[in-house]
C-alpha atoms as a PDB file:
ATOM      1  CA  MET A   1      -4.750  19.103  46.616  1.00  0.00           C
ATOM      2  CA  PHE A   2      -3.074  18.585  43.231  1.00  0.00           C
ATOM      3  CA  CYS A   3      -5.653  20.850  41.572  1.00  0.00           C
ATOM      4  CA  ALA A   4      -5.063  23.575  44.147  1.00  0.00           C
ATOM      5  CA  LEU A   5      -1.301  23.454  43.557  1.00  0.00           C
ATOM      6  CA  LEU A   6      -1.791  23.440  39.795  1.00  0.00           C
ATOM      7  CA  MET A   7      -4.073  26.467  39.885  1.00  0.00           C
ATOM      8  CA  LEU A   8      -1.759  28.239  42.322  1.00  0.00           C
ATOM      9  CA  ALA A   9       1.084  27.703  39.841  1.00  0.00           C
ATOM     10  CA  PHE A  10      -1.101  29.125  37.065  1.00  0.00           C
ATOM     11  CA  THR A  11      -1.775  32.142  39.275  1.00  0.00           C
ATOM     12  CA  GLY A  12       1.920  32.612  39.953  1.00  0.00           C
ATOM     13  CA  VAL A  13       2.992  32.681  36.328  1.00  0.00           C
ATOM     14  CA  GLN A  14       0.710  35.637  35.626  1.00  0.00           C
ATOM     15  CA  TYR A  15       3.208  38.096  37.153  1.00  0.00           C
ATOM     16  CA  ASN A  16       4.525  39.311  33.786  1.00  0.00           C
ATOM     17  CA  ASP A  17       1.274  39.131  31.819  1.00  0.00           C
ATOM     18  CA  PRO A  18      -0.239  42.497  30.805  1.00  0.00           C
ATOM     19  CA  ASP A  19      -3.622  41.337  32.142  1.00  0.00           C
ATOM     20  CA  GLY A  20      -2.062  39.273  34.910  1.00  0.00           C
ATOM     21  CA  VAL A  21      -4.252  40.676  37.685  1.00  0.00           C
ATOM     22  CA  LEU A  22      -7.405  39.568  35.878  1.00  0.00           C
ATOM     23  CA  TRP A  23      -6.055  36.098  35.140  1.00  0.00           C
ATOM     24  CA  GLY A  24      -4.580  35.793  38.604  1.00  0.00           C
ATOM     25  CA  LEU A  25      -8.039  36.369  40.049  1.00  0.00           C
ATOM     26  CA  ILE A  26      -9.611  33.980  37.549  1.00  0.00           C
ATOM     27  CA  TYR A  27      -7.167  31.250  38.603  1.00  0.00           C
ATOM     28  CA  LEU A  28      -7.500  32.018  42.304  1.00  0.00           C
ATOM     29  CA  VAL A  29     -11.207  31.139  42.344  1.00  0.00           C
ATOM     30  CA  PRO A  30     -10.732  27.402  41.641  1.00  0.00           C
ATOM     31  CA  THR A  31      -7.605  27.448  43.806  1.00  0.00           C
ATOM     32  CA  VAL A  32      -9.648  28.531  46.817  1.00  0.00           C
ATOM     33  CA  TRP A  33     -12.396  25.999  46.085  1.00  0.00           C
ATOM     34  CA  ALA A  34      -9.871  23.183  45.696  1.00  0.00           C
ATOM     35  CA  LEU A  35      -8.209  24.147  48.980  1.00  0.00           C
ATOM     36  CA  ILE A  36     -11.578  24.155  50.740  1.00  0.00           C
ATOM     37  CA  ALA A  37     -12.387  20.739  49.262  1.00  0.00           C
ATOM     38  CA  ALA A  38      -9.010  19.393  50.395  1.00  0.00           C
ATOM     39  CA  PHE A  39      -8.841  20.839  53.898  1.00  0.00           C
ATOM     40  CA  ARG A  40     -12.401  21.789  54.908  1.00  0.00           C
ATOM     41  CA  PRO A  41     -14.744  19.519  52.927  1.00  0.00           C
ATOM     42  CA  GLY A  42     -17.467  19.843  55.571  1.00  0.00           C
ATOM     43  CA  LEU A  43     -17.726  23.528  54.761  1.00  0.00           C
ATOM     44  CA  LEU A  44     -18.948  22.610  51.289  1.00  0.00           C
ATOM     45  CA  ALA A  45     -22.033  20.946  52.776  1.00  0.00           C
ATOM     46  CA  LYS A  46     -23.437  24.297  53.909  1.00  0.00           C
ATOM     47  CA  PRO A  47     -26.178  25.489  51.540  1.00  0.00           C
ATOM     48  CA  GLN A  48     -24.834  29.030  51.114  1.00  0.00           C
ATOM     49  CA  VAL A  49     -21.311  27.745  50.399  1.00  0.00           C
ATOM     50  CA  LYS A  50     -22.663  25.145  47.987  1.00  0.00           C
ATOM     51  CA  ARG A  51     -24.614  27.898  46.221  1.00  0.00           C
ATOM     52  CA  LEU A  52     -21.448  29.989  45.849  1.00  0.00           C
ATOM     53  CA  LEU A  53     -19.611  26.978  44.448  1.00  0.00           C
ATOM     54  CA  TRP A  54     -22.283  26.411  41.802  1.00  0.00           C
ATOM     55  CA  ILE A  55     -22.265  30.125  40.960  1.00  0.00           C
ATOM     56  CA  SER A  56     -18.507  29.778  40.434  1.00  0.00           C
ATOM     57  CA  VAL A  57     -19.079  26.745  38.198  1.00  0.00           C
ATOM     58  CA  ALA A  58     -21.647  28.695  36.152  1.00  0.00           C
ATOM     59  CA  ALA A  59     -19.261  31.665  35.886  1.00  0.00           C
ATOM     60  CA  GLY A  60     -16.535  29.262  34.750  1.00  0.00           C
ATOM     61  CA  LEU A  61     -18.819  27.958  32.001  1.00  0.00           C
ATOM     62  CA  VAL A  62     -19.537  31.521  30.878  1.00  0.00           C
ATOM     63  CA  GLY A  63     -15.779  32.129  30.869  1.00  0.00           C
ATOM     64  CA  VAL A  64     -15.177  29.075  28.694  1.00  0.00           C
ATOM     65  CA  ILE A  65     -17.779  30.273  26.217  1.00  0.00           C
ATOM     66  CA  PHE A  66     -16.421  33.836  26.229  1.00  0.00           C
ATOM     67  CA  TYR A  67     -12.757  32.855  25.927  1.00  0.00           C
ATOM     68  CA  TRP A  68     -13.229  29.901  23.573  1.00  0.00           C
ATOM     69  CA  PRO A  69     -10.313  30.112  21.107  1.00  0.00           C
ATOM     70  CA  ASP A  70     -11.372  31.447  17.725  1.00  0.00           C
ATOM     71  CA  VAL A  71      -8.226  30.317  15.901  1.00  0.00           C
ATOM     72  CA  ASP A  72      -8.016  27.106  13.906  1.00  0.00           C
ATOM     73  CA  ASN A  73      -6.238  24.159  15.505  1.00  0.00           C
ATOM     74  CA  TRP A  74      -5.910  26.030  18.807  1.00  0.00           C
ATOM     75  CA  TRP A  75      -4.954  22.783  20.588  1.00  0.00           C
ATOM     76  CA  LEU A  76      -1.735  22.387  18.583  1.00  0.00           C
ATOM     77  CA  LYS A  77       1.443  23.587  20.290  1.00  0.00           C
ATOM     78  CA  GLU A  78       2.435  25.547  17.198  1.00  0.00           C
ATOM     79  CA  VAL A  79      -0.751  27.582  17.585  1.00  0.00           C
ATOM     80  CA  TRP A  80      -1.149  28.074  21.335  1.00  0.00           C
ATOM     81  CA  TRP A  81       2.543  28.798  21.760  1.00  0.00           C
ATOM     82  CA  VAL A  82       2.101  32.039  19.788  1.00  0.00           C
ATOM     83  CA  GLU A  83      -1.625  32.818  20.191  1.00  0.00           C
ATOM     84  CA  GLU A  84      -2.573  34.450  23.481  1.00  0.00           C
ATOM     85  CA  THR A  85      -6.272  33.857  22.825  1.00  0.00           C
ATOM     86  CA  ALA A  86      -5.702  30.114  22.491  1.00  0.00           C
ATOM     87  CA  ARG A  87      -3.806  30.021  25.801  1.00  0.00           C
ATOM     88  CA  GLU A  88      -6.498  32.075  27.525  1.00  0.00           C
ATOM     89  CA  GLY A  89      -9.203  29.773  26.196  1.00  0.00           C
ATOM     90  CA  MET A  90      -7.368  26.676  27.374  1.00  0.00           C
ATOM     91  CA  GLY A  91      -6.762  28.333  30.726  1.00  0.00           C
ATOM     92  CA  MET A  92     -10.493  28.885  31.120  1.00  0.00           C
ATOM     93  CA  MET A  93     -11.147  25.264  30.179  1.00  0.00           C
ATOM     94  CA  ILE A  94      -8.760  24.091  32.899  1.00  0.00           C
ATOM     95  CA  ASP A  95     -10.295  26.579  35.348  1.00  0.00           C
ATOM     96  CA  PHE A  96     -13.773  25.218  34.598  1.00  0.00           C
ATOM     97  CA  ALA A  97     -12.606  21.596  34.822  1.00  0.00           C
ATOM     98  CA  VAL A  98     -11.203  22.172  38.314  1.00  0.00           C
ATOM     99  CA  LEU A  99     -14.427  23.855  39.429  1.00  0.00           C
ATOM    100  CA  VAL A 100     -16.506  20.946  38.100  1.00  0.00           C
ATOM    101  CA  LEU A 101     -14.173  18.446  39.745  1.00  0.00           C
ATOM    102  CA  VAL A 102     -14.556  20.197  43.104  1.00  0.00           C
ATOM    103  CA  ALA A 103     -18.342  20.297  42.684  1.00  0.00           C
ATOM    104  CA  LEU A 104     -18.486  16.590  41.809  1.00  0.00           C
ATOM    105  CA  THR A 105     -16.184  15.731  44.714  1.00  0.00           C
ATOM    106  CA  THR A 106     -18.542  17.625  46.977  1.00  0.00           C
ATOM    107  CA  ARG A 107     -21.479  15.601  45.700  1.00  0.00           C
ATOM    108  CA  SER A 108     -19.650  12.298  46.259  1.00  0.00           C
ATOM    109  CA  HIS A 109     -18.801  13.303  49.839  1.00  0.00           C
ATOM    110  CA  GLN A 110     -22.456  14.067  50.495  1.00  0.00           C
ATOM    111  CA  SER A 111     -23.697  10.755  49.089  1.00  0.00           C
ATOM    112  CA  SER A 112     -21.141   8.740  51.087  1.00  0.00           C
ATOM    113  CA  ALA A 113     -22.044  10.609  54.281  1.00  0.00           C
ATOM    114  CA  ALA A 114     -25.749   9.804  53.883  1.00  0.00           C
END
């Protein structure tokens, strides 16, 4: 549930970003998956839903690669505070981490149910 709230907050702060619609949609994907994992975990056991989740994880990985910050020391506050590309790259990393966390949570639910 924490991940869903975090990603929902990320979605909300996109309102004044020039490409806010794109990033809002990017952040909504893990938000929806985290909400499903929190409130309807049984839904994730369905093969077609599981396939969509793993497609989302793969798309998140592609996003991380595409948006990887190309500025030096992108992790330093002095850099990401002023560099949009560094913030976008870190946003994709967080997006991907939430997707992986949901996927791993799904796997642990399946192994404990067996």
